[in-house]
Each structure stands twice: as structure tokens, then as C-alpha cells.
């Protein structure tokens, strides 16, 4: 298994494709990422909602109980080279 992180965990800006997580029977699943091209991301993921990563982190934390760093924490980690 890979220990790579998804951009929702590491990127302070951009867009992601969000799906209903049918595999687990509810909640959200996060797919593709684009830093500056939400239209292209929508074309590649026609069944998904394209959402700003800041909003996705907020929804994931508040409504789905995900443990994600704040935007400030992500920026600090990037500056520290993590």
C-alpha cells in the first residue's frame, strides 16, 4: 500500500472531484485534483462535484469526522519541507 497523501491533505489550494462514497454505503469519496483547471477536472470526472479543496476539508472535518490539518498546518508543513 502506498503512503502517498492525497492533495486534500497537502495542497493549500486547488479543486477536487467529490463523489458519494457508494463503496462504504455513504459519506464522501475524493477523486481527482487540479490546481487551476476546474473545468478540465469536471470533464475528466463527469459524475463528480468539483469543489475547492478548502471547502472539501471543512466539510470532511465537520460533517464526516475526517482528521485533516488546517490550511495553516498545511502551509507550515510545506515550508518545513515535509
N, C-alpha and C. Protein backbone atom coordinates (compact mmCIF):
# COMPACT_ATOMS: atom_id res chain seq x y z
N UNK A 1 0.84 -1.18 0.00
CA UNK A 1 0.00 0.00 0.00
C UNK A 1 0.88 1.24 0.00
N UNK A 2 0.49 2.22 -0.75
CA UNK A 2 1.24 3.46 -0.85
C UNK A 2 0.97 4.36 0.35
N UNK A 3 1.99 5.09 0.76
CA UNK A 3 1.79 6.04 1.85
C UNK A 3 1.72 7.47 1.31
N UNK A 4 1.47 7.62 0.00
CA UNK A 4 1.31 8.94 -0.60
C UNK A 4 0.02 9.57 -0.11
N UNK A 5 0.05 10.87 0.08
CA UNK A 5 -1.13 11.58 0.54
C UNK A 5 -1.87 12.21 -0.63
N UNK A 6 -3.17 12.35 -0.47
CA UNK A 6 -4.00 13.00 -1.47
C UNK A 6 -3.82 14.51 -1.35
N UNK A 7 -3.97 15.26 -2.44
CA UNK A 7 -3.84 16.71 -2.37
C UNK A 7 -4.74 17.39 -1.33
N UNK A 8 -5.86 16.78 -0.98
CA UNK A 8 -6.71 17.37 0.06
C UNK A 8 -5.94 17.46 1.37
N UNK A 9 -4.99 16.57 1.56
CA UNK A 9 -4.19 16.57 2.78
C UNK A 9 -2.96 17.46 2.69
N UNK A 10 -2.55 17.83 1.47
CA UNK A 10 -1.27 18.52 1.33
C UNK A 10 -1.31 19.84 0.57
N UNK A 11 -2.33 20.10 -0.20
CA UNK A 11 -2.36 21.30 -1.04
C UNK A 11 -3.23 22.40 -0.42
N UNK A 12 -2.71 23.61 -0.34
CA UNK A 12 -3.49 24.71 0.24
C UNK A 12 -4.54 25.29 -0.70
N UNK A 13 -4.47 24.96 -1.99
CA UNK A 13 -5.45 25.49 -2.94
C UNK A 13 -5.64 24.52 -4.09
N UNK A 14 -6.69 24.73 -4.84
CA UNK A 14 -6.99 23.88 -5.98
C UNK A 14 -8.41 23.33 -5.89
N UNK A 15 -8.68 22.34 -6.72
CA UNK A 15 -10.02 21.76 -6.83
C UNK A 15 -9.93 20.24 -6.83
N UNK A 16 -10.94 19.59 -6.29
CA UNK A 16 -11.00 18.13 -6.29
C UNK A 16 -12.37 17.67 -6.76
N UNK A 17 -12.41 16.43 -7.21
CA UNK A 17 -13.66 15.79 -7.61
C UNK A 17 -14.19 15.03 -6.39
N UNK A 18 -15.43 15.31 -6.02
CA UNK A 18 -16.05 14.69 -4.85
C UNK A 18 -17.23 13.84 -5.30
N UNK A 19 -17.26 12.63 -4.80
CA UNK A 19 -18.31 11.66 -5.13
C UNK A 19 -19.02 11.22 -3.86
N UNK A 20 -20.21 10.66 -4.03
CA UNK A 20 -20.85 9.95 -2.93
C UNK A 20 -20.14 8.61 -2.82
N UNK A 21 -19.75 8.24 -1.62
CA UNK A 21 -18.98 7.01 -1.41
C UNK A 21 -19.92 5.81 -1.36
N UNK A 22 -20.21 5.25 -2.51
CA UNK A 22 -21.11 4.10 -2.58
C UNK A 22 -20.43 2.82 -2.09
N UNK A 23 -19.11 2.78 -2.10
CA UNK A 23 -18.38 1.60 -1.64
C UNK A 23 -18.63 1.35 -0.15
N UNK A 24 -18.62 2.42 0.62
CA UNK A 24 -18.83 2.30 2.06
C UNK A 24 -20.28 2.51 2.47
N UNK A 25 -21.12 2.80 1.51
CA UNK A 25 -22.53 2.96 1.80
C UNK A 25 -22.93 4.36 2.25
N UNK A 26 -22.08 5.32 2.07
CA UNK A 26 -22.42 6.70 2.44
C UNK A 26 -21.17 7.53 2.64
N UNK A 27 -21.36 8.80 2.86
CA UNK A 27 -20.23 9.69 3.04
C UNK A 27 -19.71 10.19 1.71
N UNK A 28 -18.48 10.69 1.74
CA UNK A 28 -17.88 11.24 0.53
C UNK A 28 -16.60 10.50 0.17
N UNK A 29 -16.31 10.50 -1.10
CA UNK A 29 -15.05 9.99 -1.62
C UNK A 29 -14.45 11.10 -2.47
N UNK A 30 -13.15 11.25 -2.40
CA UNK A 30 -12.49 12.33 -3.12
C UNK A 30 -11.59 11.74 -4.19
N UNK A 31 -11.76 12.25 -5.41
CA UNK A 31 -11.00 11.71 -6.53
C UNK A 31 -9.95 12.67 -7.03
N UNK A 32 -10.03 13.03 -8.30
CA UNK A 32 -9.01 13.82 -8.98
C UNK A 32 -8.74 15.18 -8.36
N UNK A 33 -7.62 15.76 -8.78
CA UNK A 33 -7.19 17.07 -8.28
C UNK A 33 -6.68 17.91 -9.44
N UNK A 34 -6.98 19.18 -9.40
CA UNK A 34 -6.40 20.13 -10.35
C UNK A 34 -6.11 21.42 -9.60
N UNK A 35 -4.94 21.95 -9.80
CA UNK A 35 -4.59 23.18 -9.10
C UNK A 35 -5.32 24.39 -9.67
N UNK A 36 -5.49 24.44 -11.02
CA UNK A 36 -6.06 25.64 -11.63
C UNK A 36 -7.11 25.39 -12.70
N UNK A 37 -7.53 24.17 -12.92
CA UNK A 37 -8.43 23.89 -14.04
C UNK A 37 -9.67 23.09 -13.61
N UNK A 38 -10.63 23.75 -12.94
CA UNK A 38 -11.82 23.02 -12.52
C UNK A 38 -12.65 22.51 -13.70
N UNK A 39 -12.64 23.22 -14.82
CA UNK A 39 -13.41 22.77 -15.99
C UNK A 39 -12.84 21.47 -16.55
N UNK A 40 -11.53 21.40 -16.65
CA UNK A 40 -10.89 20.17 -17.13
C UNK A 40 -11.13 19.02 -16.18
N UNK A 41 -11.09 19.31 -14.89
CA UNK A 41 -11.36 18.28 -13.89
C UNK A 41 -12.80 17.77 -14.02
N UNK A 42 -13.73 18.68 -14.27
CA UNK A 42 -15.13 18.29 -14.46
C UNK A 42 -15.31 17.42 -15.70
N UNK A 43 -14.57 17.72 -16.75
CA UNK A 43 -14.65 16.90 -17.97
C UNK A 43 -14.11 15.50 -17.73
N UNK A 44 -13.07 15.39 -16.93
CA UNK A 44 -12.48 14.07 -16.63
C UNK A 44 -13.28 13.28 -15.60
N UNK A 45 -14.10 13.98 -14.82
CA UNK A 45 -14.90 13.35 -13.75
C UNK A 45 -16.34 13.81 -13.85
N UNK A 46 -17.07 13.39 -14.89
CA UNK A 46 -18.41 13.93 -15.13
C UNK A 46 -19.44 13.60 -14.05
N UNK A 47 -19.22 12.58 -13.26
CA UNK A 47 -20.18 12.20 -12.22
C UNK A 47 -19.89 12.84 -10.87
N UNK A 48 -18.88 13.67 -10.81
CA UNK A 48 -18.45 14.25 -9.54
C UNK A 48 -18.84 15.72 -9.43
N UNK A 49 -18.88 16.18 -8.19
CA UNK A 49 -18.98 17.62 -7.93
C UNK A 49 -17.56 18.14 -7.82
N UNK A 50 -17.27 19.25 -8.45
CA UNK A 50 -15.93 19.83 -8.39
C UNK A 50 -15.95 20.91 -7.32
N UNK A 51 -15.09 20.75 -6.33
CA UNK A 51 -15.15 21.59 -5.13
C UNK A 51 -13.75 22.09 -4.78
N UNK A 52 -13.69 23.30 -4.27
CA UNK A 52 -12.46 23.90 -3.78
C UNK A 52 -11.92 23.06 -2.61
N UNK A 53 -10.60 22.81 -2.56
CA UNK A 53 -10.05 21.94 -1.52
C UNK A 53 -10.26 22.48 -0.12
N UNK A 54 -10.29 23.79 0.04
CA UNK A 54 -10.53 24.36 1.37
C UNK A 54 -11.92 23.97 1.86
N UNK A 55 -12.90 24.07 0.99
CA UNK A 55 -14.28 23.69 1.35
C UNK A 55 -14.39 22.19 1.60
N UNK A 56 -13.72 21.40 0.80
CA UNK A 56 -13.76 19.95 0.99
C UNK A 56 -13.19 19.57 2.35
N UNK A 57 -12.07 20.19 2.73
CA UNK A 57 -11.50 19.90 4.06
C UNK A 57 -12.48 20.28 5.16
N UNK A 58 -13.14 21.43 5.01
CA UNK A 58 -14.11 21.87 6.01
C UNK A 58 -15.26 20.86 6.14
N UNK A 59 -15.82 20.46 5.02
CA UNK A 59 -16.93 19.50 5.03
C UNK A 59 -16.47 18.16 5.59
N UNK A 60 -15.31 17.70 5.16
CA UNK A 60 -14.79 16.41 5.64
C UNK A 60 -14.58 16.42 7.15
N UNK A 61 -14.04 17.52 7.66
CA UNK A 61 -13.81 17.61 9.12
C UNK A 61 -15.12 17.74 9.89
N UNK A 62 -15.96 18.67 9.48
CA UNK A 62 -17.16 18.99 10.25
C UNK A 62 -18.27 17.96 10.14
N UNK A 63 -18.46 17.41 8.96
CA UNK A 63 -19.61 16.54 8.75
C UNK A 63 -19.28 15.06 8.64
N UNK A 64 -18.02 14.74 8.39
CA UNK A 64 -17.66 13.34 8.19
C UNK A 64 -16.58 12.85 9.15
N UNK A 65 -16.14 13.72 10.06
CA UNK A 65 -15.20 13.31 11.09
C UNK A 65 -13.79 13.00 10.63
N UNK A 66 -13.39 13.50 9.47
CA UNK A 66 -12.03 13.25 8.98
C UNK A 66 -11.05 14.09 9.78
N UNK A 67 -9.89 13.53 10.04
CA UNK A 67 -8.83 14.24 10.76
C UNK A 67 -7.87 14.84 9.74
N UNK A 68 -8.12 16.09 9.36
CA UNK A 68 -7.29 16.77 8.36
C UNK A 68 -6.68 18.02 8.98
N UNK A 69 -5.46 18.32 8.58
CA UNK A 69 -4.80 19.53 9.05
C UNK A 69 -5.53 20.77 8.55
N UNK A 70 -5.36 21.86 9.27
CA UNK A 70 -5.89 23.14 8.83
C UNK A 70 -5.04 23.66 7.67
N UNK A 71 -5.52 24.69 7.00
CA UNK A 71 -4.75 25.28 5.92
C UNK A 71 -3.42 25.83 6.45
N UNK A 72 -3.44 26.40 7.64
CA UNK A 72 -2.20 26.91 8.24
C UNK A 72 -1.22 25.77 8.49
N UNK A 73 -1.71 24.64 8.95
CA UNK A 73 -0.86 23.48 9.18
C UNK A 73 -0.25 22.95 7.89
N UNK A 74 -1.04 22.96 6.83
CA UNK A 74 -0.55 22.50 5.52
C UNK A 74 0.55 23.44 5.01
N UNK A 75 0.33 24.73 5.15
CA UNK A 75 1.34 25.70 4.70
C UNK A 75 2.63 25.57 5.52
N UNK A 76 2.49 25.38 6.83
CA UNK A 76 3.68 25.22 7.69
C UNK A 76 4.46 23.97 7.30
N UNK A 77 3.75 22.87 7.03
CA UNK A 77 4.42 21.63 6.63
C UNK A 77 5.14 21.82 5.30
N UNK A 78 4.53 22.54 4.37
CA UNK A 78 5.16 22.79 3.08
C UNK A 78 6.42 23.63 3.24
N UNK A 79 6.36 24.62 4.11
CA UNK A 79 7.52 25.48 4.34
C UNK A 79 8.64 24.73 5.04
N UNK A 80 8.27 23.75 5.86
CA UNK A 80 9.26 22.96 6.58
C UNK A 80 9.85 21.85 5.69
N UNK A 81 9.25 21.66 4.51
CA UNK A 81 9.75 20.65 3.59
C UNK A 81 9.24 19.26 3.86
N UNK A 82 8.13 19.14 4.55
CA UNK A 82 7.54 17.83 4.86
C UNK A 82 6.71 17.32 3.71
